[in-house]
């Protein structure tokens, strides 16, 4: 593999207390030329040390593990290595895990039984600086937001009308390309809007901005 090709390879760390799960994910990712599994960890504490040692681009993080769980590990990884993206793999045993992990700085969420293509796509998105929520996760976010008293976040007042339109489209799960088509603007323009939205809302990524939009009642 050339140096240029090697530079394009996404380095992945697998974190799960079940060896069978780690083996399965390794087999799925082994056939992808642009993804390399550089290490594994059996719990959150080992994950944190492995991130420091291996500097992966993306961590696939289980939540419920003995000792240090995935939430605490995510918080530690994001704080110490902000360039490393964490994608949570969840079975939705408890909504509290989902929202705690979001607050901890995870860049995305997937179901453990998702199709292999979804797993590969999620890794590529995360490595590219994008965030994702599985449709089931978005439903959970919206459902929880509906039960939460609405108080508009004052940061929303800083958005222009067009930026609000873009944020609402993001909250509906639309990609930049889809938003561009819907608003009849270029993809580059949408990208600029998204960047300004994240800055004004002090959000780490799209996931955080979408949660704020729902919890502030913007989507009502």
Protein backbone atom coordinates (compact mmCIF):
# COMPACT_ATOMS: atom_id res chain seq x y z
CA UNK A 1 0.00 0.00 0.00
CA UNK A 2 1.37 3.41 -0.92
CA UNK A 3 1.91 6.19 1.59
CA UNK A 4 -0.97 8.14 0.04
CA UNK A 5 -3.31 5.16 0.26
CA UNK A 6 -2.20 4.44 3.83
CA UNK A 7 -2.98 8.00 4.81
CA UNK A 8 -6.58 7.46 3.69
CA UNK A 9 -7.10 4.40 5.88
CA UNK A 10 -9.36 4.92 8.90
CA UNK A 11 -7.90 3.36 12.04
CA UNK A 12 -10.51 1.77 14.30
CA UNK A 13 -10.44 0.58 17.90
CA UNK A 14 -13.10 -1.96 18.92
CA UNK A 15 -14.34 -1.82 22.52
CA UNK A 16 -16.66 -4.55 23.81
CA UNK A 17 -16.50 -6.99 26.70
CA UNK A 18 -17.70 -9.84 24.48
CA UNK A 19 -14.98 -11.43 22.38
CA UNK A 20 -17.52 -12.83 19.92
CA UNK A 21 -18.80 -9.31 19.17
CA UNK A 22 -15.29 -7.97 18.64
CA UNK A 23 -14.45 -10.89 16.36
CA UNK A 24 -17.59 -10.37 14.32
CA UNK A 25 -16.91 -6.67 13.80
CA UNK A 26 -13.28 -7.40 12.91
CA UNK A 27 -14.40 -9.84 10.21
CA UNK A 28 -16.86 -7.31 8.78
CA UNK A 29 -14.28 -4.53 8.63
CA UNK A 30 -11.39 -6.70 7.39
CA UNK A 31 -12.72 -6.68 3.83
CA UNK A 32 -12.73 -2.87 3.61
CA UNK A 33 -9.61 -1.42 1.99
CA UNK A 34 -10.02 1.95 3.69
CA UNK A 35 -10.61 0.67 7.25
CA UNK A 36 -8.12 -1.02 9.56
CA UNK A 37 -8.84 -2.43 13.03
CA UNK A 38 -5.74 -1.40 14.97
CA UNK A 39 -6.74 -2.73 18.38
CA UNK A 40 -9.36 -4.06 20.77
CA UNK A 41 -10.33 -3.36 24.37
CA UNK A 42 -12.51 -5.31 26.81
CA UNK A 43 -13.63 -2.42 29.00
CA UNK A 44 -13.64 1.34 29.28
CA UNK A 45 -10.37 1.65 31.18
CA UNK A 46 -8.53 -0.43 28.61
CA UNK A 47 -10.16 1.59 25.86
CA UNK A 48 -8.81 4.85 27.25
CA UNK A 49 -5.27 3.45 27.46
CA UNK A 50 -5.51 1.94 23.98
CA UNK A 51 -6.62 5.26 22.48
CA UNK A 52 -3.60 6.93 24.04
CA UNK A 53 -1.29 4.23 22.71
CA UNK A 54 -2.76 3.65 19.25
CA UNK A 55 -4.33 7.02 18.31
CA UNK A 56 -7.26 5.54 16.37
CA UNK A 57 -9.46 7.73 14.21
CA UNK A 58 -12.68 6.08 15.37
CA UNK A 59 -13.63 4.08 18.45
CA UNK A 60 -16.59 1.70 18.33
CA UNK A 61 -17.67 1.77 21.97
CA UNK A 62 -19.98 -0.59 23.81
CA UNK A 63 -21.87 1.02 26.70
CA UNK A 64 -22.49 -1.65 29.31
CA UNK A 65 -19.18 -3.16 30.35
CA UNK A 66 -17.74 -4.25 33.70
CA UNK A 67 -15.59 -1.72 35.51
CA UNK A 68 -15.38 1.54 33.58
CA UNK A 69 -18.41 1.68 31.31
CA UNK A 70 -18.60 3.13 27.81
CA UNK A 71 -20.00 6.46 28.97
CA UNK A 72 -17.13 7.26 31.30
CA UNK A 73 -14.67 5.99 28.71
CA UNK A 74 -16.22 8.18 26.02
CA UNK A 75 -16.00 11.23 28.27
CA UNK A 76 -12.32 10.51 28.97
CA UNK A 77 -11.45 9.84 25.33
CA UNK A 78 -13.20 12.97 24.01
CA UNK A 79 -11.57 15.13 26.69
CA UNK A 80 -8.05 13.84 26.15
CA UNK A 81 -8.20 13.09 22.42
CA UNK A 82 -10.80 15.34 20.75
CA UNK A 83 -9.56 14.29 17.32
CA UNK A 84 -10.73 10.72 17.99
CA UNK A 85 -14.41 10.10 17.23
CA UNK A 86 -16.49 7.76 19.35
CA UNK A 87 -19.43 5.83 17.90
CA UNK A 88 -21.60 4.13 20.50
CA UNK A 89 -22.90 0.63 19.84
CA UNK A 90 -26.06 0.12 21.83
CA UNK A 91 -28.88 -2.35 22.41
CA UNK A 92 -31.13 0.33 23.95
CA UNK A 93 -31.42 -1.37 27.30
CA UNK A 94 -31.86 2.01 28.96
CA UNK A 95 -32.59 5.45 27.53
CA UNK A 96 -30.44 7.00 30.25
CA UNK A 97 -27.33 5.46 28.69
CA UNK A 98 -28.18 7.04 25.35
CA UNK A 99 -28.51 10.59 26.62
CA UNK A 100 -25.60 10.32 29.05
CA UNK A 101 -23.38 9.16 26.20
CA UNK A 102 -24.57 12.04 24.01
CA UNK A 103 -23.58 14.47 26.73
CA UNK A 104 -20.26 12.67 27.09
CA UNK A 105 -19.39 13.63 23.51
CA UNK A 106 -20.17 10.60 21.37
CA UNK A 107 -20.37 11.37 17.66
CA UNK A 108 -22.89 8.72 16.76
CA UNK A 109 -25.03 5.76 17.76
CA UNK A 110 -25.74 2.45 16.10
CA UNK A 111 -27.67 -0.65 17.00
CA UNK A 112 -25.46 -3.69 17.51
CA UNK A 113 -27.62 -5.65 15.11
CA UNK A 114 -27.37 -3.06 12.33
CA UNK A 115 -26.53 -4.26 8.79
CA UNK A 116 -22.78 -4.49 8.09
CA UNK A 117 -23.04 -1.76 5.45
CA UNK A 118 -24.47 0.62 8.08
CA UNK A 119 -21.52 -0.07 10.38
CA UNK A 120 -19.01 0.64 7.62
CA UNK A 121 -20.87 3.79 6.57
CA UNK A 122 -20.97 5.03 10.16
CA UNK A 123 -17.21 4.63 10.55
CA UNK A 124 -16.56 6.55 7.35
CA UNK A 125 -18.92 9.33 8.38
CA UNK A 126 -17.36 9.66 11.83
CA UNK A 127 -13.84 9.67 10.38
CA UNK A 128 -14.90 12.47 8.06
CA UNK A 129 -16.02 14.61 10.97
CA UNK A 130 -19.71 13.92 10.58
CA UNK A 131 -22.17 12.68 13.17
CA UNK A 132 -24.97 10.22 12.89
CA UNK A 133 -27.93 8.87 14.77
CA UNK A 134 -29.63 5.64 13.83
CA UNK A 135 -33.31 6.33 13.02
CA UNK A 136 -34.30 4.48 16.18
CA UNK A 137 -32.07 6.77 18.22
CA UNK A 138 -33.56 9.89 16.66
CA UNK A 139 -37.01 8.62 17.66
CA UNK A 140 -35.79 8.23 21.23
CA UNK A 141 -34.37 11.76 21.24
CA UNK A 142 -37.62 13.19 19.89
CA UNK A 143 -39.68 11.13 22.32
CA UNK A 144 -37.70 12.27 25.32
CA UNK A 145 -37.78 15.87 24.11
CA UNK A 146 -41.57 15.69 23.86
CA UNK A 147 -41.73 14.83 27.57
CA UNK A 148 -39.37 17.64 28.54
CA UNK A 149 -40.73 21.12 29.41
CA UNK A 150 -39.85 23.48 26.56
CA UNK A 151 -37.50 26.37 27.26
CA UNK A 152 -35.97 27.92 24.16
CA UNK A 153 -32.23 28.08 24.43
CA UNK A 154 -31.12 31.74 24.17
CA UNK A 155 -28.42 30.69 21.71
CA UNK A 156 -31.12 29.99 19.13
CA UNK A 157 -31.80 33.74 18.97
CA UNK A 158 -28.34 34.19 17.43
CA UNK A 159 -29.29 32.16 14.35
CA UNK A 160 -30.46 33.82 11.18
CA UNK A 161 -33.75 32.68 9.63
CA UNK A 162 -31.88 30.62 7.04
CA UNK A 163 -29.69 29.05 9.72
CA UNK A 164 -32.85 28.04 11.60
CA UNK A 165 -34.15 26.45 8.41
CA UNK A 166 -30.93 24.47 8.07
CA UNK A 167 -30.98 23.42 11.73
CA UNK A 168 -34.58 22.20 11.42
CA UNK A 169 -33.62 20.21 8.33
CA UNK A 170 -30.70 18.69 10.24
CA UNK A 171 -33.07 17.77 13.05
CA UNK A 172 -35.27 15.96 10.53
CA UNK A 173 -32.28 13.78 9.67
CA UNK A 174 -31.45 15.36 6.32
CA UNK A 175 -27.92 15.25 4.92
CA UNK A 176 -26.15 18.35 3.59
CA UNK A 177 -26.91 17.28 0.04
CA UNK A 178 -30.60 16.82 0.82
CA UNK A 179 -30.75 20.19 2.59
CA UNK A 180 -29.08 21.85 -0.42
CA UNK A 181 -31.70 20.39 -2.75
CA UNK A 182 -34.56 21.33 -0.43
CA UNK A 183 -33.39 24.92 0.02
CA UNK A 184 -32.14 25.29 -3.58
CA UNK A 185 -28.62 26.27 -2.58
CA UNK A 186 -25.21 24.69 -3.08
CA UNK A 187 -23.78 22.00 -0.81
CA UNK A 188 -20.93 24.38 0.03
CA UNK A 189 -23.44 26.97 1.24
CA UNK A 190 -25.14 24.40 3.45
CA UNK A 191 -21.77 23.35 4.86
CA UNK A 192 -21.04 26.98 5.76
CA UNK A 193 -24.43 27.33 7.43
CA UNK A 194 -23.87 24.16 9.45
CA UNK A 195 -20.46 25.38 10.57
CA UNK A 196 -21.90 28.70 11.75
CA UNK A 197 -24.79 26.93 13.50
CA UNK A 198 -22.42 24.71 15.47
CA UNK A 199 -20.32 27.73 16.44
CA UNK A 200 -23.30 29.83 17.54
CA UNK A 201 -24.86 26.96 19.51
CA UNK A 202 -21.51 25.95 21.01
CA UNK A 203 -22.22 22.40 19.83
CA UNK A 204 -19.46 19.87 19.24
CA UNK A 205 -21.25 18.31 16.27
CA UNK A 206 -24.55 17.85 14.47
CA UNK A 207 -25.84 15.43 17.09
CA UNK A 208 -25.55 18.00 19.86
CA UNK A 209 -27.20 20.68 17.69
CA UNK A 210 -30.10 18.37 16.81
CA UNK A 211 -30.72 17.53 20.47
CA UNK A 212 -30.74 21.22 21.34
CA UNK A 213 -33.23 21.90 18.55
CA UNK A 214 -35.64 19.27 19.84
CA UNK A 215 -35.23 20.06 23.54
CA UNK A 216 -35.74 23.77 22.92
CA UNK A 217 -39.03 23.17 21.14
CA UNK A 218 -37.78 24.42 17.78
CA UNK A 219 -39.26 21.35 16.08
CA UNK A 220 -42.73 21.65 17.64
